[in-house]
Protein backbone atom coordinates (compact mmCIF):
# COMPACT_ATOMS: atom_id res chain seq x y z
CA UNK A 1 -25.91 -15.10 36.93
CA UNK A 2 -25.05 -17.98 34.63
CA UNK A 3 -27.16 -16.44 31.87
CA UNK A 4 -25.42 -13.07 32.32
CA UNK A 5 -21.98 -14.68 32.10
CA UNK A 6 -23.04 -16.63 29.04
CA UNK A 7 -24.28 -13.47 27.35
CA UNK A 8 -21.08 -11.66 28.23
CA UNK A 9 -19.11 -14.56 26.79
CA UNK A 10 -21.10 -14.44 23.58
CA UNK A 11 -20.63 -10.68 23.34
CA UNK A 12 -16.88 -11.03 23.88
CA UNK A 13 -16.71 -13.78 21.26
CA UNK A 14 -18.64 -11.57 18.84
CA UNK A 15 -16.22 -8.67 19.18
CA UNK A 16 -13.18 -10.94 19.07
CA UNK A 17 -14.60 -12.39 15.87
CA UNK A 18 -14.96 -8.91 14.39
CA UNK A 19 -11.39 -8.06 15.39
CA UNK A 20 -10.12 -11.28 13.80
CA UNK A 21 -12.10 -10.48 10.65
CA UNK A 22 -10.54 -7.00 10.56
CA UNK A 23 -7.07 -8.49 11.06
CA UNK A 24 -7.57 -10.97 8.22
CA UNK A 25 -8.62 -8.21 5.83
CA UNK A 26 -5.71 -6.05 7.02
CA UNK A 27 -3.26 -8.82 6.12
CA UNK A 28 -4.98 -9.42 2.79
CA UNK A 29 -4.90 -5.73 1.88
CA UNK A 30 -1.26 -5.30 2.84
CA UNK A 31 -0.22 -8.36 0.83
CA UNK A 32 -2.10 -7.02 -2.20
CA UNK A 33 -0.65 -3.50 -1.85
CA UNK A 34 2.93 -3.82 -0.58
CA UNK A 35 5.23 -0.80 -0.16
CA UNK A 36 6.31 0.53 -3.53
CA UNK A 37 8.84 3.10 -2.37
CA UNK A 38 11.45 3.59 0.34
CA UNK A 39 11.27 4.39 4.04
CA UNK A 40 12.76 7.09 6.23
CA UNK A 41 11.93 8.41 9.67
CA UNK A 42 10.45 11.75 10.70
CA UNK A 43 8.95 13.02 13.96
CA UNK A 44 5.75 10.98 13.48
CA UNK A 45 7.61 7.71 12.87
CA UNK A 46 8.29 5.75 9.70
CA UNK A 47 7.47 7.53 6.42
CA UNK A 48 6.82 5.71 3.14
CA UNK A 49 7.82 7.74 0.08
CA UNK A 50 8.58 7.40 -3.62
CA UNK A 51 11.23 9.60 -5.25
CA UNK A 52 11.68 9.18 -9.00
CA UNK A 53 12.83 11.14 -12.04
CA UNK A 54 15.06 14.16 -12.53
CA UNK A 55 14.26 17.81 -13.09
CA UNK A 56 12.25 20.47 -11.24
CA UNK A 57 10.67 18.98 -8.12
CA UNK A 58 6.99 18.09 -7.91
CA UNK A 59 5.68 17.14 -4.45
CA UNK A 60 2.44 15.13 -4.49
CA UNK A 61 0.11 15.22 -1.46
CA UNK A 62 -2.92 12.92 -1.48
CA UNK A 63 -6.31 13.49 0.08
CA UNK A 64 -8.54 12.08 2.81
CA UNK A 65 -8.17 8.35 3.27
CA UNK A 66 -5.76 8.08 0.36
CA UNK A 67 -2.11 7.20 -0.10
CA UNK A 68 0.51 7.61 -2.81
CA UNK A 69 -1.26 5.02 -4.97
CA UNK A 70 -3.84 7.69 -5.82
CA UNK A 71 -1.12 9.24 -8.00
CA UNK A 72 0.35 5.96 -9.25
CA UNK A 73 -2.22 5.03 -11.88
CA UNK A 74 -0.13 6.70 -14.58
CA UNK A 75 0.39 10.22 -13.22
CA UNK A 76 3.73 9.63 -11.46
CA UNK A 77 5.28 7.83 -14.44
CA UNK A 78 4.15 10.57 -16.82
CA UNK A 79 5.52 13.43 -14.72
CA UNK A 80 8.78 11.59 -13.94
CA UNK A 81 9.79 11.79 -17.61
CA UNK A 82 10.99 15.36 -17.07
CA UNK A 83 10.59 16.09 -13.34
CA UNK A 84 11.74 14.84 -9.99
CA UNK A 85 8.51 13.48 -8.51
CA UNK A 86 8.10 12.85 -4.79
CA UNK A 87 4.96 11.08 -3.57
CA UNK A 88 4.28 10.09 0.02
CA UNK A 89 1.88 8.21 2.18
CA UNK A 90 0.93 11.05 4.50
CA UNK A 91 1.72 10.20 8.13
CA UNK A 92 -0.90 7.71 9.35
CA UNK A 93 -1.92 6.70 5.83
CA UNK A 94 -0.82 3.74 3.74
CA UNK A 95 2.49 2.46 5.08
CA UNK A 96 3.43 5.61 7.02
CA UNK A 97 3.18 5.85 10.80
CA UNK A 98 1.62 8.47 13.04
CA UNK A 99 0.95 8.58 16.79
CA UNK A 100 -2.70 8.03 17.67
CA UNK A 101 -3.06 11.50 19.19
CA UNK A 102 -1.00 13.45 16.63
CA UNK A 103 -2.54 16.86 15.78
CA UNK A 104 -3.76 16.66 12.19
CA UNK A 105 -5.44 19.85 11.00
CA UNK A 106 -4.33 20.94 7.51
CA UNK A 107 -2.00 23.47 9.15
CA UNK A 108 -0.49 20.78 11.41
CA UNK A 109 0.05 18.48 8.45
CA UNK A 110 1.55 21.33 6.40
CA UNK A 111 4.29 21.66 9.02
CA UNK A 112 5.00 17.95 8.64
CA UNK A 113 5.28 18.43 4.87
CA UNK A 114 8.05 20.97 5.40
CA UNK A 115 9.77 18.48 7.71
CA UNK A 116 9.56 15.90 4.91
CA UNK A 117 10.98 18.42 2.44
CA UNK A 118 13.95 18.95 4.75
CA UNK A 119 14.43 15.21 5.22
CA UNK A 120 14.33 14.39 1.51
CA UNK A 121 16.13 17.50 0.26
CA UNK A 122 13.18 18.85 -1.73
CA UNK A 123 13.85 22.42 -2.86
CA UNK A 124 11.34 24.83 -4.39
CA UNK A 125 8.79 22.19 -5.39
CA UNK A 126 5.58 22.64 -7.28
CA UNK A 127 3.17 21.24 -4.69
CA UNK A 128 0.30 19.18 -6.07
CA UNK A 129 -2.51 18.57 -3.58
CA UNK A 130 -5.59 16.46 -4.23
CA UNK A 131 -8.77 16.99 -2.18
CA UNK A 132 -7.69 17.41 1.48
CA UNK A 133 -4.15 17.56 0.10
CA UNK A 134 -5.18 20.84 -1.52
CA UNK A 135 -6.00 22.36 1.88
CA UNK A 136 -2.63 21.13 3.15
CA UNK A 137 -0.83 22.64 0.15
CA UNK A 138 -2.58 25.99 0.66
CA UNK A 139 -1.58 25.92 4.34
CA UNK A 140 2.02 25.32 3.25
CA UNK A 141 1.87 28.39 1.00
CA UNK A 142 0.41 30.49 3.81
CA UNK A 143 3.06 29.30 6.28
CA UNK A 144 6.18 29.55 4.11
CA UNK A 145 5.62 30.53 0.49
CA UNK A 146 9.31 31.25 -0.08
CA UNK A 147 10.04 27.51 -0.05
CA UNK A 148 7.55 26.69 -2.83
CA UNK A 149 7.50 27.27 -6.58
CA UNK A 150 3.72 27.20 -6.77
CA UNK A 151 0.58 25.12 -6.23
CA UNK A 152 -1.28 22.95 -8.74
CA UNK A 153 -4.39 21.68 -6.97
CA UNK A 154 -6.64 18.83 -8.07
CA UNK A 155 -10.25 18.97 -6.80
CA UNK A 156 -9.00 20.74 -3.66
CA UNK A 157 -10.68 21.51 -0.36
CA UNK A 158 -10.22 25.28 -0.11
CA UNK A 159 -13.01 26.90 1.93
CA UNK A 160 -15.37 26.18 4.80
CA UNK A 161 -19.09 26.23 4.27
CA UNK A 162 -20.01 23.16 2.25
CA UNK A 163 -22.06 20.46 3.93
CA UNK A 164 -19.99 17.26 3.98
CA UNK A 165 -21.04 14.38 1.77
CA UNK A 166 -23.11 11.71 3.57
CA UNK A 167 -20.58 9.18 2.33
CA UNK A 168 -18.32 10.33 5.20
CA UNK A 169 -20.88 9.95 8.00
CA UNK A 170 -19.17 6.82 9.30
CA UNK A 171 -15.97 8.81 9.86
CA UNK A 172 -17.62 11.41 12.11
CA UNK A 173 -16.41 9.88 15.39
CA UNK A 174 -15.36 12.36 18.09
CA UNK A 175 -13.83 9.99 20.66
CA UNK A 176 -10.42 8.42 20.00
CA UNK A 177 -11.42 5.40 22.10
CA UNK A 178 -14.61 4.86 20.11
CA UNK A 179 -12.67 5.45 16.90
CA UNK A 180 -10.09 2.80 17.81
CA UNK A 181 -12.75 0.26 18.78
CA UNK A 182 -14.70 0.95 15.60
CA UNK A 183 -11.56 0.56 13.51
CA UNK A 184 -11.04 -2.96 14.86
CA UNK A 185 -14.68 -4.08 14.83
CA UNK A 186 -17.35 -2.56 12.62
CA UNK A 187 -15.28 -0.49 10.17
CA UNK A 188 -14.17 -3.35 7.93
CA UNK A 189 -17.55 -5.06 7.42
CA UNK A 190 -19.17 -1.63 6.96
CA UNK A 191 -16.60 -0.70 4.31
CA UNK A 192 -17.19 -3.95 2.45
CA UNK A 193 -20.97 -3.59 2.68
CA UNK A 194 -21.06 0.06 1.59
CA UNK A 195 -18.13 -0.04 -0.80
CA UNK A 196 -20.14 0.26 -4.01
CA UNK A 197 -22.06 3.32 -2.79
CA UNK A 198 -18.86 4.99 -1.61
CA UNK A 199 -17.15 4.31 -4.93
CA UNK A 200 -20.05 5.82 -6.85
CA UNK A 201 -19.78 9.02 -4.80
CA UNK A 202 -15.99 9.24 -4.96
CA UNK A 203 -15.66 8.49 -8.66
CA UNK A 204 -19.03 9.39 -10.13
CA UNK A 205 -19.99 10.07 -12.82
CA UNK A 206 -16.82 8.30 -13.94
CA UNK A 207 -16.07 4.63 -13.36
CA UNK A 208 -13.41 3.49 -10.93
CA UNK A 209 -10.61 2.00 -13.06
CA UNK A 210 -9.79 -1.66 -12.26
CA UNK A 211 -6.19 -0.73 -11.36
CA UNK A 212 -7.43 1.57 -8.57
CA UNK A 213 -7.94 -1.40 -6.24
CA UNK A 214 -4.30 -2.49 -5.98
CA UNK A 215 -2.12 -0.13 -8.05
CA UNK A 216 -4.21 2.77 -6.78
CA UNK A 217 -4.03 1.39 -3.24
CA UNK A 218 -7.78 1.42 -2.51
CA UNK A 219 -7.56 -1.86 -0.59
CA UNK A 220 -5.45 -0.19 2.10
CA UNK A 221 -8.58 1.62 3.27
CA UNK A 222 -9.50 -1.70 4.93
CA UNK A 223 -6.51 -1.51 7.31
CA UNK A 224 -7.84 -0.57 10.79
CA UNK A 225 -5.06 1.94 11.46
CA UNK A 226 -5.85 3.60 8.13
CA UNK A 227 -9.51 3.99 9.12
CA UNK A 228 -8.54 5.42 12.52
CA UNK A 229 -6.36 8.16 11.04
CA UNK A 230 -8.78 8.86 8.20
CA UNK A 231 -11.50 9.49 10.78
CA UNK A 232 -9.25 11.85 12.75
CA UNK A 233 -8.27 13.67 9.55
CA UNK A 234 -11.94 14.03 8.63
CA UNK A 235 -12.90 15.50 12.01
CA UNK A 236 -10.00 17.98 11.77
CA UNK A 237 -10.17 18.69 8.03
CA UNK A 238 -11.79 22.14 8.27
CA UNK A 239 -10.39 23.23 11.63
CA UNK A 240 -8.34 26.36 11.07
CA UNK A 241 -9.40 26.53 7.41
CA UNK A 242 -11.34 29.77 7.89
CA UNK A 243 -8.29 31.48 9.37
CA UNK A 244 -6.05 30.10 6.63
CA UNK A 245 -8.44 31.20 3.87
CA UNK A 246 -8.31 34.81 5.11
CA UNK A 247 -4.64 34.82 4.10
CA UNK A 248 -5.13 33.58 0.54
CA UNK A 249 -5.12 37.15 -0.77
CA UNK A 250 -1.56 37.55 0.49
CA UNK A 251 -0.15 34.41 -1.13
CA UNK A 252 3.10 35.06 -2.97
CA UNK A 253 3.14 31.92 -5.10
CA UNK A 254 1.02 31.08 -8.16
CA UNK A 255 -2.02 28.88 -7.55
CA UNK A 256 -3.87 26.89 -10.20
CA UNK A 257 -6.88 24.61 -9.69
CA UNK A 258 -8.30 21.75 -11.75
CA UNK A 259 -11.85 20.61 -11.02
CA UNK A 260 -14.30 18.11 -12.44
CA UNK A 261 -17.65 19.78 -13.04
CA UNK A 262 -19.52 16.70 -11.76
CA UNK A 263 -17.51 16.29 -8.55
CA UNK A 264 -19.85 14.69 -5.97
CA UNK A 265 -17.54 15.16 -2.96
CA UNK A 266 -16.40 18.80 -3.14
CA UNK A 267 -18.51 21.39 -4.95
CA UNK A 268 -16.43 22.91 -7.77
CA UNK A 269 -18.51 26.10 -7.58
CA UNK A 270 -17.81 26.56 -3.87
CA UNK A 271 -14.19 25.39 -3.69
CA UNK A 272 -13.21 26.49 -7.19
CA UNK A 273 -15.28 29.25 -8.78
CA UNK A 274 -16.07 31.00 -5.48
CA UNK A 275 -12.40 30.93 -4.48
CA UNK A 276 -11.22 32.35 -7.80
CA UNK A 277 -14.03 34.92 -7.69
CA UNK A 278 -12.57 36.18 -4.42
CA UNK A 279 -8.98 35.89 -5.65
CA UNK A 280 -8.98 36.39 -9.43
CA UNK A 281 -5.20 36.11 -9.56
CA UNK A 282 -5.70 32.36 -9.10
CA UNK A 283 -6.44 30.17 -12.10
CA UNK A 284 -9.27 27.62 -12.43
CA UNK A 285 -9.71 25.00 -15.13
CA UNK A 286 -12.93 22.98 -15.28
CA UNK A 287 -13.22 19.64 -17.08
CA UNK A 288 -15.83 16.93 -17.32
CA UNK A 289 -15.25 14.48 -14.49
CA UNK A 290 -15.67 13.60 -10.85
CA UNK A 291 -13.54 13.86 -7.73
CA UNK A 292 -10.82 11.24 -8.28
CA UNK A 293 -9.17 12.93 -11.24
CA UNK A 294 -5.62 11.65 -10.53
CA UNK A 295 -6.95 8.10 -10.87
CA UNK A 296 -9.54 8.50 -13.62
CA UNK A 297 -7.77 11.10 -15.79
CA UNK A 298 -4.02 10.87 -15.07
CA UNK A 299 -3.00 12.19 -18.51
CA UNK A 300 -5.20 15.28 -18.17
CA UNK A 301 -3.79 15.88 -14.68
CA UNK A 302 -0.23 15.42 -15.96
CA UNK A 303 -0.79 17.99 -18.71
CA UNK A 304 -2.29 20.43 -16.20
CA UNK A 305 0.59 19.96 -13.74
CA UNK A 306 3.29 20.08 -16.42
CA UNK A 307 1.82 23.28 -17.85
CA UNK A 308 1.76 24.81 -14.36
CA UNK A 309 5.35 23.71 -13.74
CA UNK A 310 6.51 25.28 -17.00
CA UNK A 311 4.77 28.59 -16.35
CA UNK A 312 5.88 28.75 -12.72
CA UNK A 313 9.51 27.85 -13.42
CA UNK A 314 11.69 30.75 -12.42
CA UNK A 315 8.88 32.43 -10.47
CA UNK A 316 10.00 31.71 -6.94
CA UNK A 317 7.97 34.38 -5.18
CA UNK A 318 5.80 37.21 -6.47
CA UNK A 319 4.25 40.39 -5.16
CA UNK A 320 1.24 40.16 -7.42
CA UNK A 321 1.05 37.46 -10.05
CA UNK A 322 0.26 38.36 -13.60
CA UNK A 323 -2.55 36.37 -15.25
CA UNK A 324 -0.16 34.48 -17.53
CA UNK A 325 1.66 33.02 -14.53
CA UNK A 326 -1.57 31.69 -13.07
CA UNK A 327 -3.51 30.77 -16.16
């Protein structure tokens, strides 16, 4: 009995030690990447957002496990020269709050994006979605195209059917209880141990810029709450996507895509060329690069987005877009 109690005590001490380690890294990450914008409240709790510049609105939606810093390595400042640019930490990410059990399919999150538009007074924006943010942007267009000027998507998730990258295996947790316990125990040391391999997949064949760690907000991925919601987003990322994709042919806003030909996370042939093959009214531009284009090639992304904004200006809704609107 004494041995059993001693073993239980050691086990408890081990997990408490892991939780303390996670807490220490949480504090370190949050000190290194403080809030850079303002706060408001929506139905999911506190929302962290950045609203800069004047002109036609551009609404930036980041991808899986990201936050507004993904756009703040030069892209926001460039676009804000002649646009109103709104970037957010999606609910649950970065400094924004979200209930632990909040529904979070792309369609669910799209509805929250409209709530944010109402809260911040965003009218007829060009919606820019990166990665999972692309699926959210497409869901917004399917749900209420009349409120959008168009979509400019960066390495977007668009269709079901691709096998997920092994880099996300650690996020494939079905139970919320297990997910919460993992977030406060093994997630932080695993992230630190596997960080280099994850970075190579996310950024390859490009290098991760040094400013991605703090200015780009990468350190916030070590916050336990951030891991928890990233895991839930991952599990729900393709739920409802098949139904949404059946409605792409009926979209009444222009859609343009930018993809890196060497993307190691989302296949540009599947999510880009295949999509445009089905819906040739959409436009696809391919460049040399990987998945994290807003971080590695902010100037190229800014040119792509600005060109889309110029061509889509004045085109609120369409019956059938002409090629020049899309391309």
